[in-house]
C-alpha atoms as a PDB file:
ATOM      1  CA  MET A   1      20.919  10.993 -14.444  1.00  0.00           C
ATOM      2  CA  ASN A   2      18.768  10.541 -17.703  1.00  0.00           C
ATOM      3  CA  ALA A   3      14.459  10.790 -17.920  1.00  0.00           C
ATOM      4  CA  PRO A   4      12.918   7.041 -19.162  1.00  0.00           C
ATOM      5  CA  THR A   5      12.095   7.039 -22.296  1.00  0.00           C
ATOM      6  CA  TRP A   6       7.744   6.158 -21.957  1.00  0.00           C
ATOM      7  CA  PRO A   7       6.304   4.389 -24.564  1.00  0.00           C
ATOM      8  CA  ASP A   8       3.778   6.396 -26.795  1.00  0.00           C
ATOM      9  CA  HIS A   9       1.306   3.405 -26.286  1.00  0.00           C
ATOM     10  CA  LEU A  10      -1.141   2.434 -24.022  1.00  0.00           C
ATOM     11  CA  LEU A  11       0.831  -1.136 -22.892  1.00  0.00           C
ATOM     12  CA  SER A  12      -0.453  -4.808 -21.963  1.00  0.00           C
ATOM     13  CA  LEU A  13       0.561  -6.562 -18.634  1.00  0.00           C
ATOM     14  CA  ALA A  14       3.198  -8.166 -20.666  1.00  0.00           C
ATOM     15  CA  GLU A  15       4.123  -5.232 -21.538  1.00  0.00           C
ATOM     16  CA  TRP A  16       4.575  -3.397 -17.964  1.00  0.00           C
ATOM     17  CA  ASP A  17       6.669  -6.384 -17.043  1.00  0.00           C
ATOM     18  CA  GLU A  18       9.413  -5.977 -20.129  1.00  0.00           C
ATOM     19  CA  LEU A  19       9.602  -2.502 -19.201  1.00  0.00           C
ATOM     20  CA  PRO A  20      13.190  -1.618 -18.567  1.00  0.00           C
ATOM     21  CA  LEU A  21      12.378   0.797 -15.586  1.00  0.00           C
ATOM     22  CA  ASP A  22      15.364   2.148 -13.550  1.00  0.00           C
ATOM     23  CA  SER A  23      15.540   0.638  -9.817  1.00  0.00           C
ATOM     24  CA  PHE A  24      15.342   4.754  -8.693  1.00  0.00           C
ATOM     25  CA  GLY A  25      12.352   5.564  -9.336  1.00  0.00           C
ATOM     26  CA  HIS A  26       8.502   3.963  -7.968  1.00  0.00           C
ATOM     27  CA  TYR A  27       6.050   3.491 -11.197  1.00  0.00           C
ATOM     28  CA  GLU A  28       2.589   2.126 -11.248  1.00  0.00           C
ATOM     29  CA  LEU A  29       1.020   1.252 -14.735  1.00  0.00           C
ATOM     30  CA  ALA A  30      -2.864   3.476 -14.501  1.00  0.00           C
ATOM     31  CA  ASP A  31      -4.805   2.529 -17.124  1.00  0.00           C
ATOM     32  CA  GLY A  32      -2.266   1.696 -18.968  1.00  0.00           C
ATOM     33  CA  VAL A  33      -0.273   4.561 -18.665  1.00  0.00           C
ATOM     34  CA  VAL A  34       2.986   4.450 -17.377  1.00  0.00           C
ATOM     35  CA  TRP A  35       2.678   6.953 -13.868  1.00  0.00           C
ATOM     36  CA  ALA A  36       5.515   7.857 -10.905  1.00  0.00           C
ATOM     37  CA  PRO A  37       4.485   9.203  -8.225  1.00  0.00           C
ATOM     38  CA  PRO A  38       6.308  11.348  -6.238  1.00  0.00           C
ATOM     39  CA  PRO A  39       9.211  10.032  -4.946  1.00  0.00           C
ATOM     40  CA  PRO A  40       8.335   9.601  -0.845  1.00  0.00           C
ATOM     41  CA  THR A  41      10.206  12.348   1.112  1.00  0.00           C
ATOM     42  CA  PRO A  42      12.229  10.387   3.873  1.00  0.00           C
ATOM     43  CA  HIS A  43       9.637  10.723   7.042  1.00  0.00           C
ATOM     44  CA  HIS A  44       7.558   8.484   4.636  1.00  0.00           C
ATOM     45  CA  GLN A  45       9.998   5.806   4.220  1.00  0.00           C
ATOM     46  CA  VAL A  46      10.556   5.519   7.610  1.00  0.00           C
ATOM     47  CA  ALA A  47       6.643   5.551   8.427  1.00  0.00           C
ATOM     48  CA  ARG A  48       6.027   2.556   6.018  1.00  0.00           C
ATOM     49  CA  ALA A  49       9.493   0.726   6.846  1.00  0.00           C
ATOM     50  CA  ASN A  50       8.339   0.899  10.975  1.00  0.00           C
ATOM     51  CA  LEU A  51       4.401   0.154   9.813  1.00  0.00           C
ATOM     52  CA  MET A  52       5.934  -3.078   7.679  1.00  0.00           C
ATOM     53  CA  VAL A  53       7.909  -4.350  10.669  1.00  0.00           C
ATOM     54  CA  ALA A  54       5.610  -3.589  13.036  1.00  0.00           C
ATOM     55  CA  LEU A  55       2.854  -5.756  10.895  1.00  0.00           C
ATOM     56  CA  ASN A  56       4.888  -8.615  10.703  1.00  0.00           C
ATOM     57  CA  LEU A  57       5.151  -8.942  14.211  1.00  0.00           C
ATOM     58  CA  GLN A  58       1.560  -8.812  15.030  1.00  0.00           C
ATOM     59  CA  LEU A  59       0.355 -10.679  11.830  1.00  0.00           C
ATOM     60  CA  PRO A  60      -0.485 -14.823  12.629  1.00  0.00           C
ATOM     61  CA  SER A  61       1.664 -16.883  11.108  1.00  0.00           C
ATOM     62  CA  THR A  62      -0.245 -17.595   7.542  1.00  0.00           C
ATOM     63  CA  LEU A  63       0.152 -14.280   6.583  1.00  0.00           C
ATOM     64  CA  GLY A  64       2.978 -10.985   5.903  1.00  0.00           C
ATOM     65  CA  ALA A  65       3.430  -7.558   5.498  1.00  0.00           C
ATOM     66  CA  THR A  66       5.537  -6.422   1.631  1.00  0.00           C
ATOM     67  CA  GLN A  67       6.262  -2.855   0.864  1.00  0.00           C
ATOM     68  CA  ASP A  68       5.719  -1.519  -2.769  1.00  0.00           C
ATOM     69  CA  SER A  69       4.707  -5.044  -4.177  1.00  0.00           C
ATOM     70  CA  GLU A  70       3.567  -4.793  -7.621  1.00  0.00           C
ATOM     71  CA  VAL A  71      -0.826  -5.204  -7.066  1.00  0.00           C
ATOM     72  CA  VAL A  72      -2.655  -6.309 -10.701  1.00  0.00           C
ATOM     73  CA  ILE A  73      -5.934  -3.990  -9.644  1.00  0.00           C
ATOM     74  CA  ASP A  74      -7.300  -4.303 -13.081  1.00  0.00           C
ATOM     75  CA  ALA A  75      -5.738  -7.280 -15.284  1.00  0.00           C
ATOM     76  CA  SER A  76      -7.732  -6.331 -18.849  1.00  0.00           C
ATOM     77  CA  PHE A  77      -6.625  -3.928 -21.349  1.00  0.00           C
ATOM     78  CA  PRO A  78      -5.687  -1.559 -20.767  1.00  0.00           C
ATOM     79  CA  PRO A  79      -4.109  -2.651 -17.203  1.00  0.00           C
ATOM     80  CA  THR A  80      -4.137  -1.020 -13.751  1.00  0.00           C
ATOM     81  CA  VAL A  81      -0.862  -1.773 -11.722  1.00  0.00           C
ATOM     82  CA  ARG A  82      -0.588  -0.116  -8.396  1.00  0.00           C
ATOM     83  CA  ALA A  83       2.105  -0.685  -5.558  1.00  0.00           C
ATOM     84  CA  PRO A  84       0.940   0.068  -2.295  1.00  0.00           C
ATOM     85  CA  ASP A  85       3.053   1.051   0.655  1.00  0.00           C
ATOM     86  CA  VAL A  86       2.644  -2.012   3.040  1.00  0.00           C
ATOM     87  CA  ALA A  87       0.466  -4.808   1.553  1.00  0.00           C
ATOM     88  CA  VAL A  88      -0.735  -8.008   3.499  1.00  0.00           C
ATOM     89  CA  MET A  89      -0.698 -11.323   1.737  1.00  0.00           C
ATOM     90  CA  SER A  90      -0.719 -15.295   2.594  1.00  0.00           C
ATOM     91  CA  LYS A  91       2.591 -15.774   3.719  1.00  0.00           C
ATOM     92  CA  SER A  92       3.187 -18.173   0.855  1.00  0.00           C
ATOM     93  CA  VAL A  93       2.267 -15.019  -1.826  1.00  0.00           C
ATOM     94  CA  CYS A  94       4.911 -12.565  -0.072  1.00  0.00           C
ATOM     95  CA  ARG A  95       7.644 -15.702  -0.685  1.00  0.00           C
ATOM     96  CA  SER A  96       6.644 -15.827  -4.522  1.00  0.00           C
ATOM     97  CA  ASP A  97       9.489 -14.290  -7.350  1.00  0.00           C
ATOM     98  CA  GLU A  98       6.283 -13.254  -9.127  1.00  0.00           C
ATOM     99  CA  PRO A  99       7.058  -9.717 -11.130  1.00  0.00           C
ATOM    100  CA  HIS A 100       3.424  -9.020  -9.339  1.00  0.00           C
ATOM    101  CA  VAL A 101       0.421 -10.154  -7.237  1.00  0.00           C
ATOM    102  CA  ASP A 102      -3.063 -10.257  -8.211  1.00  0.00           C
ATOM    103  CA  ALA A 103      -4.912  -8.515  -6.108  1.00  0.00           C
ATOM    104  CA  SER A 104      -7.614 -10.881  -5.178  1.00  0.00           C
ATOM    105  CA  GLU A 105      -4.590 -12.308  -2.751  1.00  0.00           C
ATOM    106  CA  VAL A 106      -4.609  -9.337  -1.170  1.00  0.00           C
ATOM    107  CA  LEU A 107      -5.837  -8.876   2.398  1.00  0.00           C
ATOM    108  CA  LEU A 108      -4.857  -5.009   3.226  1.00  0.00           C
ATOM    109  CA  ALA A 109      -3.509  -2.330   1.570  1.00  0.00           C
ATOM    110  CA  VAL A 110      -1.994   0.579   2.882  1.00  0.00           C
ATOM    111  CA  GLU A 111      -0.536   3.720   1.619  1.00  0.00           C
ATOM    112  CA  ILE A 112       1.074   6.553   2.997  1.00  0.00           C
ATOM    113  CA  ILE A 113      -0.443   9.583   1.750  1.00  0.00           C
ATOM    114  CA  SER A 114       2.264  11.618   0.040  1.00  0.00           C
ATOM    115  CA  PRO A 115       2.328  15.771  -1.079  1.00  0.00           C
ATOM    116  CA  GLY A 116       0.014  15.579  -4.198  1.00  0.00           C
ATOM    117  CA  THR A 117      -0.842  12.297  -3.677  1.00  0.00           C
ATOM    118  CA  GLY A 118      -4.003  12.889  -1.505  1.00  0.00           C
ATOM    119  CA  ARG A 119      -6.518  12.277  -3.534  1.00  0.00           C
ATOM    120  CA  LEU A 120      -5.363   9.290  -5.482  1.00  0.00           C
ATOM    121  CA  ASP A 121      -5.208   7.961  -2.458  1.00  0.00           C
ATOM    122  CA  ARG A 122      -8.066   8.782  -0.395  1.00  0.00           C
ATOM    123  CA  ILE A 123     -10.905   8.947  -3.753  1.00  0.00           C
ATOM    124  CA  LEU A 124      -9.112   6.564  -6.667  1.00  0.00           C
ATOM    125  CA  LYS A 125      -7.329   4.191  -4.990  1.00  0.00           C
ATOM    126  CA  ALA A 126     -10.365   3.424  -2.584  1.00  0.00           C
ATOM    127  CA  VAL A 127     -12.449   3.040  -5.808  1.00  0.00           C
ATOM    128  CA  GLU A 128      -9.602   0.908  -7.365  1.00  0.00           C
ATOM    129  CA  TYR A 129      -8.841  -1.726  -4.203  1.00  0.00           C
ATOM    130  CA  ALA A 130     -12.636  -1.254  -3.815  1.00  0.00           C
ATOM    131  CA  GLY A 131     -13.304  -2.370  -7.206  1.00  0.00           C
ATOM    132  CA  ALA A 132     -10.357  -5.186  -7.030  1.00  0.00           C
ATOM    133  CA  GLY A 133     -11.948  -6.931  -3.772  1.00  0.00           C
ATOM    134  CA  ILE A 134      -9.124  -6.118  -1.918  1.00  0.00           C
ATOM    135  CA  PRO A 135     -10.883  -6.378   2.050  1.00  0.00           C
ATOM    136  CA  TYR A 136      -8.951  -3.627   4.462  1.00  0.00           C
ATOM    137  CA  TYR A 137      -7.695  -0.679   3.190  1.00  0.00           C
ATOM    138  CA  TRP A 138      -5.665   2.259   5.206  1.00  0.00           C
ATOM    139  CA  VAL A 139      -4.852   5.205   4.361  1.00  0.00           C
ATOM    140  CA  ILE A 140      -2.334   6.848   6.526  1.00  0.00           C
ATOM    141  CA  ASP A 141      -1.594  11.114   6.547  1.00  0.00           C
ATOM    142  CA  LEU A 142       1.517  12.595   8.369  1.00  0.00           C
ATOM    143  CA  THR A 143       1.054  15.953   8.332  1.00  0.00           C
ATOM    144  CA  PRO A 144       0.480  16.932  12.274  1.00  0.00           C
ATOM    145  CA  PRO A 145      -1.984  15.680  14.023  1.00  0.00           C
ATOM    146  CA  ALA A 146      -1.127  12.031  12.057  1.00  0.00           C
ATOM    147  CA  SER A 147      -4.182  10.251  11.509  1.00  0.00           C
ATOM    148  CA  LEU A 148      -5.255   6.874  10.176  1.00  0.00           C
ATOM    149  CA  THR A 149      -8.733   5.917   8.651  1.00  0.00           C
ATOM    150  CA  THR A 150      -9.603   2.013   7.798  1.00  0.00           C
ATOM    151  CA  LEU A 151     -12.029   0.893   5.704  1.00  0.00           C
ATOM    152  CA  THR A 152     -13.898  -2.206   5.046  1.00  0.00           C
ATOM    153  CA  LEU A 153     -14.872  -3.531   1.811  1.00  0.00           C
ATOM    154  CA  VAL A 154     -18.602  -3.528   2.385  1.00  0.00           C
ATOM    155  CA  GLY A 155     -20.570  -4.894  -1.020  1.00  0.00           C
ATOM    156  CA  PRO A 156     -18.587  -2.820  -3.592  1.00  0.00           C
ATOM    157  CA  GLU A 157     -17.338  -0.137  -1.755  1.00  0.00           C
ATOM    158  CA  TYR A 158     -15.386   0.816   1.456  1.00  0.00           C
ATOM    159  CA  GLU A 159     -16.672   1.926   4.444  1.00  0.00           C
ATOM    160  CA  VAL A 160     -15.042   3.470   6.907  1.00  0.00           C
ATOM    161  CA  THR A 161     -14.742   1.880  10.571  1.00  0.00           C
ATOM    162  CA  GLU A 162     -12.038   3.751  13.110  1.00  0.00           C
ATOM    163  CA  LYS A 163     -10.201   7.532  12.330  1.00  0.00           C
ATOM    164  CA  ALA A 164      -7.339   7.531  14.735  1.00  0.00           C
ATOM    165  CA  THR A 165      -4.465  10.326  15.574  1.00  0.00           C
ATOM    166  CA  GLY A 166      -2.952   8.024  17.824  1.00  0.00           C
ATOM    167  CA  LEU A 167      -2.617   4.428  19.328  1.00  0.00           C
ATOM    168  CA  ILE A 168      -5.680   1.899  18.221  1.00  0.00           C
ATOM    169  CA  THR A 169      -5.793  -1.824  18.107  1.00  0.00           C
ATOM    170  CA  LEU A 170      -7.807  -3.270  15.139  1.00  0.00           C
ATOM    171  CA  SER A 171      -9.315  -6.539  15.613  1.00  0.00           C
ATOM    172  CA  GLU A 172      -9.552  -6.300  11.547  1.00  0.00           C
ATOM    173  CA  PRO A 173      -7.716  -7.894   9.572  1.00  0.00           C
ATOM    174  CA  ALA A 174      -6.069  -9.339  12.421  1.00  0.00           C
ATOM    175  CA  THR A 175      -5.527  -8.157  16.716  1.00  0.00           C
ATOM    176  CA  ILE A 176      -3.385  -5.510  15.336  1.00  0.00           C
ATOM    177  CA  THR A 177      -2.237  -2.450  17.533  1.00  0.00           C
ATOM    178  CA  VAL A 178      -1.228   0.722  15.430  1.00  0.00           C
ATOM    179  CA  ASP A 179       0.340   4.752  17.294  1.00  0.00           C
ATOM    180  CA  VAL A 180      -0.106   6.239  13.956  1.00  0.00           C
ATOM    181  CA  SER A 181       1.467  10.032  16.204  1.00  0.00           C
ATOM    182  CA  LYS A 182       4.748   8.053  16.462  1.00  0.00           C
ATOM    183  CA  LEU A 183       5.457   6.039  12.868  1.00  0.00           C
ATOM    184  CA  THR A 184       8.130   8.072  12.172  1.00  0.00           C
ATOM    185  CA  GLU A 185      10.288   7.007  14.933  1.00  0.00           C
ATOM    186  CA  ASP A 186      13.348   5.633  15.562  1.00  0.00           C
ATOM    187  CA  ASP A 187      11.853   3.223  18.271  1.00  0.00           C
ATOM    188  CA  TYR A 188       8.058   2.950  16.926  1.00  0.00           C
ATOM    189  CA  VAL A 189       8.275  -1.319  17.167  1.00  0.00           C
ATOM    190  CA  ASP A 190       9.485  -1.432  20.488  1.00  0.00           C
ATOM    191  CA  HIS A 191       6.965   1.290  21.753  1.00  0.00           C
ATOM    192  CA  VAL A 192       4.109  -1.008  19.860  1.00  0.00           C
ATOM    193  CA  ARG A 193       5.532  -4.240  21.219  1.00  0.00           C
ATOM    194  CA  ARG A 194       5.441  -2.295  25.270  1.00  0.00           C
ATOM    195  CA  ALA A 195       1.294  -1.001  23.661  1.00  0.00           C
ATOM    196  CA  ARG A 196       0.316  -4.096  23.306  1.00  0.00           C
END
């Protein structure tokens, strides 16, 4: 497989939308620069899928969870577009055919740390998501013991509201039960149903 040819200049949002990126990669736009995060491991992908399904079973009927949706963090030049592992937004936005959604439409962004993304997920994306006004941000670290850190936007910054390594029931952004220690298990969704 040939490596993609990257543009030699900072991209505008319109240029990003027109960029012919291959469907095998996962790309983001950081201050106008195309960035390819490390590919998620199978472990990461299972956790992401399990979390999305479990959230969709527990969220109110007006909300939905998606994975890898492009979220415009800053549309001004040079723009930033991120693709959280999981994002919660209104059902109407989930059903949209738009190539990306504005950060103002996102209620919760979730990042699952991969090798090489720890500082990005814990620090830079927390600053970006807070600056874009996303009310809730979760960071999941699958390194044993797996952990979930929940953050809530208070003023211009996030404050840590919960840290968990096992089963936890959260009240924001909705009543949601998560067992981060079992996120990669085949029967995770059934486990969460039983725990509720």
